[in-house]
């Protein structure tokens, strides 16, 4: 029984460290997903602008021919 208290403290400490590491991993994953979402929005807007520009240039090419 004398050794059970230090063992419980060691096990509890280990589980706390593991929980803290998992918490940090999840926080990093959430940050990564936010960045991916921002990148998606920026890329979509860029593609819309390129499409609009292509549509505007298309009539000009037809008149030059």
Protein backbone atom coordinates (compact mmCIF):
# COMPACT_ATOMS: atom_id res chain seq x y z
CA UNK A 1 0.00 0.00 0.00
CA UNK A 2 2.95 2.31 0.58
CA UNK A 3 3.93 2.16 -3.09
CA UNK A 4 0.40 2.70 -4.40
CA UNK A 5 0.34 6.45 -3.73
CA UNK A 6 3.46 7.26 -5.79
CA UNK A 7 2.24 4.97 -8.57
CA UNK A 8 -1.12 6.74 -8.65
CA UNK A 9 0.68 10.08 -8.82
CA UNK A 10 2.88 8.86 -11.68
CA UNK A 11 -0.09 7.47 -13.62
CA UNK A 12 -2.15 10.61 -13.02
CA UNK A 13 0.73 12.81 -14.12
CA UNK A 14 1.15 10.73 -17.26
CA UNK A 15 -2.55 11.01 -18.15
CA UNK A 16 -2.43 14.77 -17.58
CA UNK A 17 0.56 15.10 -19.92
CA UNK A 18 -1.16 12.99 -22.56
CA UNK A 19 -4.33 15.08 -22.26
CA UNK A 20 -2.32 18.29 -22.62
CA UNK A 21 -0.57 16.96 -25.73
CA UNK A 22 -3.90 15.93 -27.27
CA UNK A 23 -5.32 19.35 -26.46
CA UNK A 24 -2.42 21.06 -28.25
CA UNK A 25 -2.77 18.73 -31.23
CA UNK A 26 -6.47 19.49 -31.57
CA UNK A 27 -5.81 23.22 -31.24
CA UNK A 28 -3.22 23.00 -34.02
CA UNK A 29 -5.59 20.99 -36.21
CA UNK A 30 -8.31 23.61 -35.75
CA UNK A 31 -5.85 26.36 -36.72
CA UNK A 32 -4.84 24.36 -39.79
CA UNK A 33 -8.47 23.93 -40.83
CA UNK A 34 -9.04 27.68 -40.44
CA UNK A 35 -6.06 28.38 -42.69
CA UNK A 36 -7.28 25.86 -45.25
CA UNK A 37 -10.70 27.52 -45.26
CA UNK A 38 -9.18 30.99 -45.72
CA UNK A 39 -7.04 29.67 -48.56
CA UNK A 40 -10.10 28.10 -50.19
CA UNK A 41 -11.98 31.40 -50.03
CA UNK A 42 -9.04 33.32 -51.48
CA UNK A 43 -8.52 30.82 -54.29
CA UNK A 44 -12.22 30.85 -55.13
CA UNK A 45 -12.27 34.63 -55.30
CA UNK A 46 -9.15 34.63 -57.46
CA UNK A 47 -10.71 32.12 -59.86
CA UNK A 48 -13.90 34.23 -60.08
CA UNK A 49 -11.84 37.29 -60.98
CA UNK A 50 -9.88 35.36 -63.60
CA UNK A 51 -13.12 34.04 -65.12
CA UNK A 52 -14.57 37.55 -65.25
CA UNK A 53 -11.40 38.83 -66.88
CA UNK A 54 -11.50 36.04 -69.46
CA UNK A 55 -15.13 36.86 -70.28
CA UNK A 56 -14.22 40.52 -70.74
CA UNK A 57 -11.27 39.70 -72.99
CA UNK A 58 -13.23 37.23 -75.11
CA UNK A 59 -15.36 39.84 -76.97
CA UNK A 60 -12.23 41.90 -77.63
CA UNK A 61 -10.54 38.96 -79.33
CA UNK A 62 -13.55 38.38 -81.57
CA UNK A 63 -13.58 42.00 -82.77
CA UNK A 64 -9.86 41.95 -83.52
CA UNK A 65 -10.22 38.96 -85.83
